[in-house]
Amino acid sequence: MILAGKQPALDYLTMDEAVAHCTRGLGIWEWASNQTRGEPDVVLACAGDIPTLETVAAAAILRRRLPELKVRVINVVDLMRLQPASEHPHGLSDHEFDMLFTTSRPVIFAYHGYPWLIHRLTYRRTNHGEIHVRGYKEEGTTTTPFDMVMLNDLDRFHLVMDVIERVPGLGETAALLRQEMADERLAHRAYTREHGEDPPDVRDWTWHAS
């Protein structure tokens, strides 16, 4: 089997780390998270190459602009892990699922397909009411890769806005950051309309821990 994409992609893991991660089917990416003990304030989950890129980029913005916010990043490569163990042999027990996704914290899930699928896979979970999925919305046209992501509200700026809106108390304290993220969306959309390509800060983006 040969898998190929149209756009350059980042390497997030070493080969050994990737083998372990794919064997698990999902897992916390500690290097992208800034929560090491206790429960996180929010979980950023993702499945798919572009949603993963935008989730990691959103996590970088949150680390830089809201360093006190405890963010856990979870990447999913086997969607069947989201189901209960009673429904699928790959499924997680409720205890395992709750340890990863918590029982009460907001979960922002970026997915490359239709959002309803994630909801169908997780509807029996304790925290299903706090799971908010961003996915494909039948929006698109002949445009740039990042503009296509923005049309479906899957971009890094919108994910940061989702976090601000859904973490209790954050809307009041981070209102300015939310406004800046909305402005960034407008600015990036205007750039693509003028230049016919994505801005360099998106096109050449790489992970920086600070």
Foldseek 3Di string as FASTA:
>chain_A
DDDDDPADADDDDDPVVVVVCVVLQKDWDVLLWPADDDDFQEEEEEEDRVLVVQSSVLSLVCCVPPVVGGYIYMYGHHLLCLADCVVDVNHDHLVVVCVRHNQAHAYEYEYAADFVVSCVRNVPHNNSVRYHYQYDDPDDDPAEPVVRCVRSLSGSLSSNLVSCVRRPPSCVVCVVSNVVSVVVSVVQVVCCVVPVYGDCCVSVPDDDSD
